[in-house]
């Protein structure tokens, strides 16, 4: 069976902060519908890399290609415009707003546009919010609840639903279950699996090797700002991945 076409490509991507090289000459690619995991120790360059891919940071060198076109992102809105959404570890949600307002944050629908006095289309947004949540299997009974009243798993589910619900082609998730309990982690992981059925590409940044082997098709390992290796999940072992992460010849399982 032929491999799917490339969706995203990073070519020799680099980023420096003063005299410190955070990412150096990184080549990475994601195919259409592919789920990849990006792993590495703290300081390996993972967060810097995904911030460049999502438009939050501008590269100092290299190129980003999406669907065979070179991209130059000035901001995350540029990445979102072509179908790249990101769920950051801090979720970027507004706790004092309700579920519907968070799903439409920055995308509010108006019945009448009058600048600061615009009239929002609340009914339409509530209907669309239910569609977005249903599409990703998220059950929030009361869309009028403030996020302060929701669990960590519900909040994470809302952030994912917002990312995947707006015609996205690629979703980047930074440690999507780091602060969740076992049951909430299982629910979020099931949502991620459902994206495979919808042929949506995903980049998962995670320290959890069990999660990486459960969810990813391909595992990319970073060490000291560079790609240390790429492995197909089916042909890799946890020991192999830890060896790439640490650079050690022989280590035990995490």
C-alpha atoms as a PDB file:
ATOM      1  CA  UNK A   1       0.000   0.000   0.000  1.00  0.00           C
ATOM      2  CA  UNK A   2       1.402   3.392  -1.015  1.00  0.00           C
ATOM      3  CA  UNK A   3       2.288   5.892   1.698  1.00  0.00           C
ATOM      4  CA  UNK A   4       0.010   8.890   2.163  1.00  0.00           C
ATOM      5  CA  UNK A   5       1.182  12.188   0.719  1.00  0.00           C
ATOM      6  CA  UNK A   6       3.174  14.589   2.877  1.00  0.00           C
ATOM      7  CA  UNK A   7       1.082  17.126   4.750  1.00  0.00           C
ATOM      8  CA  UNK A   8       3.695  19.038   6.780  1.00  0.00           C
ATOM      9  CA  UNK A   9       7.446  19.262   6.315  1.00  0.00           C
ATOM     10  CA  UNK A  10      10.081  21.007   8.407  1.00  0.00           C
ATOM     11  CA  UNK A  11      13.330  21.428   6.462  1.00  0.00           C
ATOM     12  CA  UNK A  12      16.500  22.269   8.413  1.00  0.00           C
ATOM     13  CA  UNK A  13      14.470  24.294  10.910  1.00  0.00           C
ATOM     14  CA  UNK A  14      16.559  26.224  13.454  1.00  0.00           C
ATOM     15  CA  UNK A  15      15.956  28.608  16.353  1.00  0.00           C
ATOM     16  CA  UNK A  16      18.446  30.430  18.591  1.00  0.00           C
ATOM     17  CA  UNK A  17      17.918  32.412  21.766  1.00  0.00           C
ATOM     18  CA  UNK A  18      20.953  34.625  22.178  1.00  0.00           C
ATOM     19  CA  UNK A  19      23.944  32.298  21.983  1.00  0.00           C
ATOM     20  CA  UNK A  20      21.869  29.197  22.787  1.00  0.00           C
ATOM     21  CA  UNK A  21      20.784  26.903  19.958  1.00  0.00           C
ATOM     22  CA  UNK A  22      17.351  25.537  20.957  1.00  0.00           C
ATOM     23  CA  UNK A  23      16.637  23.779  17.638  1.00  0.00           C
ATOM     24  CA  UNK A  24      19.269  23.056  15.030  1.00  0.00           C
ATOM     25  CA  UNK A  25      18.706  21.845  11.445  1.00  0.00           C
ATOM     26  CA  UNK A  26      15.620  19.764  12.203  1.00  0.00           C
ATOM     27  CA  UNK A  27      13.990  17.796   9.400  1.00  0.00           C
ATOM     28  CA  UNK A  28      10.576  16.358  10.278  1.00  0.00           C
ATOM     29  CA  UNK A  29       7.498  15.391   8.311  1.00  0.00           C
ATOM     30  CA  UNK A  30       3.886  14.363   8.882  1.00  0.00           C
ATOM     31  CA  UNK A  31       1.807  12.520   6.308  1.00  0.00           C
ATOM     32  CA  UNK A  32      -1.904  13.027   5.774  1.00  0.00           C
ATOM     33  CA  UNK A  33      -3.824  11.231   8.515  1.00  0.00           C
ATOM     34  CA  UNK A  34      -0.638  10.192  10.325  1.00  0.00           C
ATOM     35  CA  UNK A  35      -0.295  10.387  14.094  1.00  0.00           C
ATOM     36  CA  UNK A  36       3.272  11.071  15.190  1.00  0.00           C
ATOM     37  CA  UNK A  37       4.754  11.384  18.658  1.00  0.00           C
ATOM     38  CA  UNK A  38       7.514  13.863  19.434  1.00  0.00           C
ATOM     39  CA  UNK A  39       9.535  12.763  22.447  1.00  0.00           C
ATOM     40  CA  UNK A  40      12.702  13.829  24.218  1.00  0.00           C
ATOM     41  CA  UNK A  41      14.073  14.912  27.562  1.00  0.00           C
ATOM     42  CA  UNK A  42      13.387  18.354  29.029  1.00  0.00           C
ATOM     43  CA  UNK A  43      15.300  20.938  27.013  1.00  0.00           C
ATOM     44  CA  UNK A  44      15.476  18.731  23.919  1.00  0.00           C
ATOM     45  CA  UNK A  45      13.783  21.407  21.791  1.00  0.00           C
ATOM     46  CA  UNK A  46      10.298  19.896  21.437  1.00  0.00           C
ATOM     47  CA  UNK A  47       8.360  22.941  22.628  1.00  0.00           C
ATOM     48  CA  UNK A  48      10.426  25.321  20.517  1.00  0.00           C
ATOM     49  CA  UNK A  49       9.863  23.160  17.456  1.00  0.00           C
ATOM     50  CA  UNK A  50       6.074  22.968  17.823  1.00  0.00           C
ATOM     51  CA  UNK A  51       5.900  26.707  18.483  1.00  0.00           C
ATOM     52  CA  UNK A  52       7.579  27.282  15.124  1.00  0.00           C
ATOM     53  CA  UNK A  53       5.254  24.807  13.399  1.00  0.00           C
ATOM     54  CA  UNK A  54       2.225  26.546  14.946  1.00  0.00           C
ATOM     55  CA  UNK A  55       3.319  30.119  14.198  1.00  0.00           C
ATOM     56  CA  UNK A  56       4.031  31.111  17.812  1.00  0.00           C
ATOM     57  CA  UNK A  57       7.770  31.515  17.050  1.00  0.00           C
ATOM     58  CA  UNK A  58       9.513  32.522  13.842  1.00  0.00           C
ATOM     59  CA  UNK A  59      12.398  30.268  12.760  1.00  0.00           C
ATOM     60  CA  UNK A  60      15.885  31.722  12.409  1.00  0.00           C
ATOM     61  CA  UNK A  61      16.592  29.279   9.614  1.00  0.00           C
ATOM     62  CA  UNK A  62      14.986  26.571   7.531  1.00  0.00           C
ATOM     63  CA  UNK A  63      11.585  26.197   5.903  1.00  0.00           C
ATOM     64  CA  UNK A  64       8.073  25.011   6.741  1.00  0.00           C
ATOM     65  CA  UNK A  65       6.038  23.409   3.967  1.00  0.00           C
ATOM     66  CA  UNK A  66       2.341  22.536   4.172  1.00  0.00           C
ATOM     67  CA  UNK A  67       0.597  20.672   1.369  1.00  0.00           C
ATOM     68  CA  UNK A  68       3.563  21.307  -0.920  1.00  0.00           C
ATOM     69  CA  UNK A  69       3.532  25.066  -0.393  1.00  0.00           C
ATOM     70  CA  UNK A  70       6.183  26.976   1.567  1.00  0.00           C
ATOM     71  CA  UNK A  71       4.729  28.828   4.546  1.00  0.00           C
ATOM     72  CA  UNK A  72       5.889  31.861   6.505  1.00  0.00           C
ATOM     73  CA  UNK A  73       3.869  32.222   9.673  1.00  0.00           C
ATOM     74  CA  UNK A  74       3.776  35.644  11.281  1.00  0.00           C
ATOM     75  CA  UNK A  75       1.443  34.460  14.057  1.00  0.00           C
ATOM     76  CA  UNK A  76      -0.621  31.406  15.137  1.00  0.00           C
ATOM     77  CA  UNK A  77      -3.580  32.816  13.198  1.00  0.00           C
ATOM     78  CA  UNK A  78      -1.606  32.261   9.976  1.00  0.00           C
ATOM     79  CA  UNK A  79      -1.135  28.589  10.877  1.00  0.00           C
ATOM     80  CA  UNK A  80      -4.793  28.224  11.846  1.00  0.00           C
ATOM     81  CA  UNK A  81      -5.843  29.756   8.553  1.00  0.00           C
ATOM     82  CA  UNK A  82      -4.306  26.863   6.588  1.00  0.00           C
ATOM     83  CA  UNK A  83      -5.524  24.167   9.004  1.00  0.00           C
ATOM     84  CA  UNK A  84      -2.907  23.824  11.781  1.00  0.00           C
ATOM     85  CA  UNK A  85      -4.394  23.990  15.283  1.00  0.00           C
ATOM     86  CA  UNK A  86      -2.488  23.639  18.559  1.00  0.00           C
ATOM     87  CA  UNK A  87      -3.590  22.516  22.025  1.00  0.00           C
ATOM     88  CA  UNK A  88      -0.944  23.867  24.399  1.00  0.00           C
ATOM     89  CA  UNK A  89      -0.269  22.405  27.824  1.00  0.00           C
ATOM     90  CA  UNK A  90      -1.889  25.430  29.521  1.00  0.00           C
ATOM     91  CA  UNK A  91      -4.942  24.921  27.209  1.00  0.00           C
ATOM     92  CA  UNK A  92      -5.353  28.696  26.485  1.00  0.00           C
ATOM     93  CA  UNK A  93      -8.923  28.652  27.805  1.00  0.00           C
ATOM     94  CA  UNK A  94     -10.815  31.477  29.511  1.00  0.00           C
ATOM     95  CA  UNK A  95     -11.911  30.043  32.872  1.00  0.00           C
ATOM     96  CA  UNK A  96     -14.503  32.734  33.580  1.00  0.00           C
ATOM     97  CA  UNK A  97     -16.345  32.132  30.287  1.00  0.00           C
ATOM     98  CA  UNK A  98     -18.768  29.308  29.526  1.00  0.00           C
ATOM     99  CA  UNK A  99     -18.230  26.325  27.229  1.00  0.00           C
ATOM    100  CA  UNK A 100     -19.745  27.927  24.125  1.00  0.00           C
ATOM    101  CA  UNK A 101     -17.727  31.134  24.530  1.00  0.00           C
ATOM    102  CA  UNK A 102     -14.507  29.116  24.820  1.00  0.00           C
ATOM    103  CA  UNK A 103     -15.252  27.057  21.727  1.00  0.00           C
ATOM    104  CA  UNK A 104     -15.806  30.296  19.782  1.00  0.00           C
ATOM    105  CA  UNK A 105     -12.962  32.263  21.389  1.00  0.00           C
ATOM    106  CA  UNK A 106     -11.590  34.494  18.642  1.00  0.00           C
ATOM    107  CA  UNK A 107     -14.222  33.170  16.215  1.00  0.00           C
ATOM    108  CA  UNK A 108     -17.363  34.777  17.636  1.00  0.00           C
ATOM    109  CA  UNK A 109     -20.361  34.843  15.302  1.00  0.00           C
ATOM    110  CA  UNK A 110     -22.330  38.113  15.161  1.00  0.00           C
ATOM    111  CA  UNK A 111     -25.902  38.903  14.177  1.00  0.00           C
ATOM    112  CA  UNK A 112     -24.917  42.536  13.751  1.00  0.00           C
ATOM    113  CA  UNK A 113     -21.396  43.949  13.619  1.00  0.00           C
ATOM    114  CA  UNK A 114     -21.052  47.330  15.326  1.00  0.00           C
ATOM    115  CA  UNK A 115     -17.502  47.185  16.634  1.00  0.00           C
ATOM    116  CA  UNK A 116     -17.498  47.041  20.427  1.00  0.00           C
ATOM    117  CA  UNK A 117     -21.327  47.039  20.375  1.00  0.00           C
ATOM    118  CA  UNK A 118     -21.716  44.023  18.030  1.00  0.00           C
ATOM    119  CA  UNK A 119     -24.593  41.630  18.769  1.00  0.00           C
ATOM    120  CA  UNK A 120     -23.478  38.013  19.120  1.00  0.00           C
ATOM    121  CA  UNK A 121     -25.457  35.173  17.542  1.00  0.00           C
ATOM    122  CA  UNK A 122     -25.775  33.216  20.798  1.00  0.00           C
ATOM    123  CA  UNK A 123     -28.312  30.684  19.546  1.00  0.00           C
ATOM    124  CA  UNK A 124     -26.311  29.797  16.459  1.00  0.00           C
ATOM    125  CA  UNK A 125     -23.113  29.490  18.491  1.00  0.00           C
ATOM    126  CA  UNK A 126     -24.765  27.137  21.005  1.00  0.00           C
ATOM    127  CA  UNK A 127     -26.027  24.892  18.184  1.00  0.00           C
ATOM    128  CA  UNK A 128     -22.601  24.863  16.544  1.00  0.00           C
ATOM    129  CA  UNK A 129     -20.939  24.214  19.918  1.00  0.00           C
ATOM    130  CA  UNK A 130     -23.041  21.081  20.409  1.00  0.00           C
ATOM    131  CA  UNK A 131     -22.057  19.916  16.920  1.00  0.00           C
ATOM    132  CA  UNK A 132     -18.362  20.475  17.649  1.00  0.00           C
ATOM    133  CA  UNK A 133     -18.531  18.546  20.917  1.00  0.00           C
ATOM    134  CA  UNK A 134     -20.566  15.691  19.426  1.00  0.00           C
ATOM    135  CA  UNK A 135     -18.130  15.380  16.543  1.00  0.00           C
ATOM    136  CA  UNK A 136     -15.310  14.612  18.996  1.00  0.00           C
ATOM    137  CA  UNK A 137     -17.371  12.535  21.423  1.00  0.00           C
ATOM    138  CA  UNK A 138     -17.317  15.122  24.212  1.00  0.00           C
ATOM    139  CA  UNK A 139     -20.303  15.177  26.570  1.00  0.00           C
ATOM    140  CA  UNK A 140     -20.829  18.482  28.403  1.00  0.00           C
ATOM    141  CA  UNK A 141     -24.496  18.603  29.545  1.00  0.00           C
ATOM    142  CA  UNK A 142     -24.638  22.345  30.256  1.00  0.00           C
ATOM    143  CA  UNK A 143     -22.891  24.570  27.739  1.00  0.00           C
ATOM    144  CA  UNK A 144     -23.585  27.549  30.007  1.00  0.00           C
ATOM    145  CA  UNK A 145     -21.237  26.218  32.713  1.00  0.00           C
ATOM    146  CA  UNK A 146     -18.196  28.305  33.490  1.00  0.00           C
ATOM    147  CA  UNK A 147     -14.987  26.377  32.909  1.00  0.00           C
ATOM    148  CA  UNK A 148     -14.156  26.938  36.579  1.00  0.00           C
ATOM    149  CA  UNK A 149     -16.847  24.331  37.356  1.00  0.00           C
ATOM    150  CA  UNK A 150     -15.449  21.641  35.033  1.00  0.00           C
ATOM    151  CA  UNK A 151     -12.912  18.879  35.622  1.00  0.00           C
ATOM    152  CA  UNK A 152      -9.457  18.801  34.077  1.00  0.00           C
ATOM    153  CA  UNK A 153     -10.544  16.131  31.618  1.00  0.00           C
ATOM    154  CA  UNK A 154     -13.579  18.126  30.516  1.00  0.00           C
ATOM    155  CA  UNK A 155     -11.434  21.226  30.028  1.00  0.00           C
ATOM    156  CA  UNK A 156      -8.893  19.280  27.983  1.00  0.00           C
ATOM    157  CA  UNK A 157     -11.709  17.784  25.900  1.00  0.00           C
ATOM    158  CA  UNK A 158     -13.065  21.265  25.173  1.00  0.00           C
ATOM    159  CA  UNK A 159      -9.620  22.471  24.078  1.00  0.00           C
ATOM    160  CA  UNK A 160      -9.281  19.491  21.731  1.00  0.00           C
ATOM    161  CA  UNK A 161     -12.827  19.899  20.385  1.00  0.00           C
ATOM    162  CA  UNK A 162     -12.080  23.550  19.632  1.00  0.00           C
ATOM    163  CA  UNK A 163      -8.876  22.609  17.809  1.00  0.00           C
ATOM    164  CA  UNK A 164     -10.339  19.819  15.685  1.00  0.00           C
ATOM    165  CA  UNK A 165     -13.750  21.363  15.063  1.00  0.00           C
ATOM    166  CA  UNK A 166     -12.785  24.164  12.705  1.00  0.00           C
ATOM    167  CA  UNK A 167     -11.762  22.305   9.570  1.00  0.00           C
ATOM    168  CA  UNK A 168      -8.290  21.474  10.833  1.00  0.00           C
ATOM    169  CA  UNK A 169      -5.907  19.318   8.799  1.00  0.00           C
ATOM    170  CA  UNK A 170      -3.320  18.934  11.571  1.00  0.00           C
ATOM    171  CA  UNK A 171      -3.630  19.172  15.352  1.00  0.00           C
ATOM    172  CA  UNK A 172      -0.562  19.617  17.570  1.00  0.00           C
ATOM    173  CA  UNK A 173      -1.029  18.536  21.208  1.00  0.00           C
ATOM    174  CA  UNK A 174       1.529  19.438  23.872  1.00  0.00           C
ATOM    175  CA  UNK A 175       1.358  16.905  26.754  1.00  0.00           C
ATOM    176  CA  UNK A 176      -2.423  16.439  26.339  1.00  0.00           C
ATOM    177  CA  UNK A 177      -2.908  14.323  29.496  1.00  0.00           C
ATOM    178  CA  UNK A 178      -0.073  15.486  31.762  1.00  0.00           C
ATOM    179  CA  UNK A 179      -2.350  16.847  34.510  1.00  0.00           C
ATOM    180  CA  UNK A 180      -5.170  14.277  34.247  1.00  0.00           C
ATOM    181  CA  UNK A 181      -6.152  11.230  36.249  1.00  0.00           C
ATOM    182  CA  UNK A 182      -6.411   7.710  34.842  1.00  0.00           C
ATOM    183  CA  UNK A 183     -10.068   7.817  33.729  1.00  0.00           C
ATOM    184  CA  UNK A 184      -9.790  11.302  32.256  1.00  0.00           C
ATOM    185  CA  UNK A 185      -6.597  10.273  30.441  1.00  0.00           C
ATOM    186  CA  UNK A 186      -8.404   7.291  28.917  1.00  0.00           C
ATOM    187  CA  UNK A 187     -11.206   9.548  27.682  1.00  0.00           C
ATOM    188  CA  UNK A 188      -8.844  12.074  26.074  1.00  0.00           C
ATOM    189  CA  UNK A 189      -6.848   9.267  24.448  1.00  0.00           C
ATOM    190  CA  UNK A 190     -10.072   7.865  22.980  1.00  0.00           C
ATOM    191  CA  UNK A 191     -10.814  11.265  21.462  1.00  0.00           C
ATOM    192  CA  UNK A 192      -7.334  11.260  19.892  1.00  0.00           C
ATOM    193  CA  UNK A 193      -7.943   7.758  18.478  1.00  0.00           C
ATOM    194  CA  UNK A 194     -11.205   8.968  16.944  1.00  0.00           C
ATOM    195  CA  UNK A 195      -9.245  11.558  14.959  1.00  0.00           C
ATOM    196  CA  UNK A 196      -7.470   8.702  13.167  1.00  0.00           C
ATOM    197  CA  UNK A 197     -10.860   7.504  11.879  1.00  0.00           C
ATOM    198  CA  UNK A 198     -11.453  11.024  10.536  1.00  0.00           C
ATOM    199  CA  UNK A 199      -8.018  10.930   8.819  1.00  0.00           C
ATOM    200  CA  UNK A 200      -6.851  13.965  10.757  1.00  0.00           C
ATOM    201  CA  UNK A 201      -3.082  14.230  11.273  1.00  0.00           C
ATOM    202  CA  UNK A 202      -1.826  14.700  14.831  1.00  0.00           C
ATOM    203  CA  UNK A 203       1.492  15.579  16.484  1.00  0.00           C
ATOM    204  CA  UNK A 204       1.567  14.512  20.146  1.00  0.00           C
ATOM    205  CA  UNK A 205       4.311  15.794  22.439  1.00  0.00           C
ATOM    206  CA  UNK A 206       4.500  13.409  25.381  1.00  0.00           C
ATOM    207  CA  UNK A 207       6.821  12.016  28.046  1.00  0.00           C
ATOM    208  CA  UNK A 208       4.494   9.027  28.528  1.00  0.00           C
ATOM    209  CA  UNK A 209       5.927   6.130  26.525  1.00  0.00           C
ATOM    210  CA  UNK A 210       2.873   3.937  27.136  1.00  0.00           C
ATOM    211  CA  UNK A 211       0.756   6.675  25.563  1.00  0.00           C
ATOM    212  CA  UNK A 212       3.222   7.164  22.726  1.00  0.00           C
ATOM    213  CA  UNK A 213       3.135   3.468  21.789  1.00  0.00           C
ATOM    214  CA  UNK A 214      -0.660   3.345  22.104  1.00  0.00           C
ATOM    215  CA  UNK A 215      -1.432   6.394  19.965  1.00  0.00           C
ATOM    216  CA  UNK A 216       1.363   7.096  17.483  1.00  0.00           C
ATOM    217  CA  UNK A 217       2.138   5.603  14.081  1.00  0.00           C
ATOM    218  CA  UNK A 218       5.630   7.079  14.083  1.00  0.00           C
ATOM    219  CA  UNK A 219       7.921   8.232  16.898  1.00  0.00           C
ATOM    220  CA  UNK A 220      10.363  11.106  16.429  1.00  0.00           C
ATOM    221  CA  UNK A 221      13.014  11.579  19.114  1.00  0.00           C
ATOM    222  CA  UNK A 222      14.763  14.884  19.824  1.00  0.00           C
ATOM    223  CA  UNK A 223      17.965  15.330  21.810  1.00  0.00           C
ATOM    224  CA  UNK A 224      19.874  18.583  22.351  1.00  0.00           C
ATOM    225  CA  UNK A 225      17.902  20.461  19.709  1.00  0.00           C
ATOM    226  CA  UNK A 226      18.299  17.892  16.950  1.00  0.00           C
ATOM    227  CA  UNK A 227      16.405  14.856  15.688  1.00  0.00           C
ATOM    228  CA  UNK A 228      18.092  11.839  17.265  1.00  0.00           C
ATOM    229  CA  UNK A 229      16.007   9.317  15.357  1.00  0.00           C
ATOM    230  CA  UNK A 230      12.713   8.316  13.796  1.00  0.00           C
ATOM    231  CA  UNK A 231      11.057   4.954  14.373  1.00  0.00           C
ATOM    232  CA  UNK A 232       7.921   3.264  13.133  1.00  0.00           C
ATOM    233  CA  UNK A 233       5.921   2.382  16.222  1.00  0.00           C
ATOM    234  CA  UNK A 234       5.385  -1.211  15.077  1.00  0.00           C
ATOM    235  CA  UNK A 235       9.136  -1.830  14.783  1.00  0.00           C
ATOM    236  CA  UNK A 236      10.276   0.076  17.907  1.00  0.00           C
ATOM    237  CA  UNK A 237      10.619  -0.898  21.561  1.00  0.00           C
ATOM    238  CA  UNK A 238      10.536   1.318  24.654  1.00  0.00           C
ATOM    239  CA  UNK A 239      14.201   0.478  25.252  1.00  0.00           C
ATOM    240  CA  UNK A 240      15.075   1.661  21.757  1.00  0.00           C
ATOM    241  CA  UNK A 241      13.260   4.969  22.268  1.00  0.00           C
ATOM    242  CA  UNK A 242      14.829   5.586  25.706  1.00  0.00           C
ATOM    243  CA  UNK A 243      18.243   4.859  24.217  1.00  0.00           C
ATOM    244  CA  UNK A 244      17.645   7.566  21.611  1.00  0.00           C
ATOM    245  CA  UNK A 245      16.326  10.023  24.200  1.00  0.00           C
ATOM    246  CA  UNK A 246      19.310   9.631  26.523  1.00  0.00           C
ATOM    247  CA  UNK A 247      22.030   8.752  24.049  1.00  0.00           C
ATOM    248  CA  UNK A 248      22.938   5.813  26.286  1.00  0.00           C
ATOM    249  CA  UNK A 249      23.943   2.413  24.952  1.00  0.00           C
ATOM    250  CA  UNK A 250      21.939   0.400  27.447  1.00  0.00           C
ATOM    251  CA  UNK A 251      19.121   1.590  29.661  1.00  0.00           C
ATOM    252  CA  UNK A 252      16.097   0.063  31.296  1.00  0.00           C
ATOM    253  CA  UNK A 253      12.482   0.730  30.492  1.00  0.00           C
ATOM    254  CA  UNK A 254      10.746   3.816  31.853  1.00  0.00           C
END
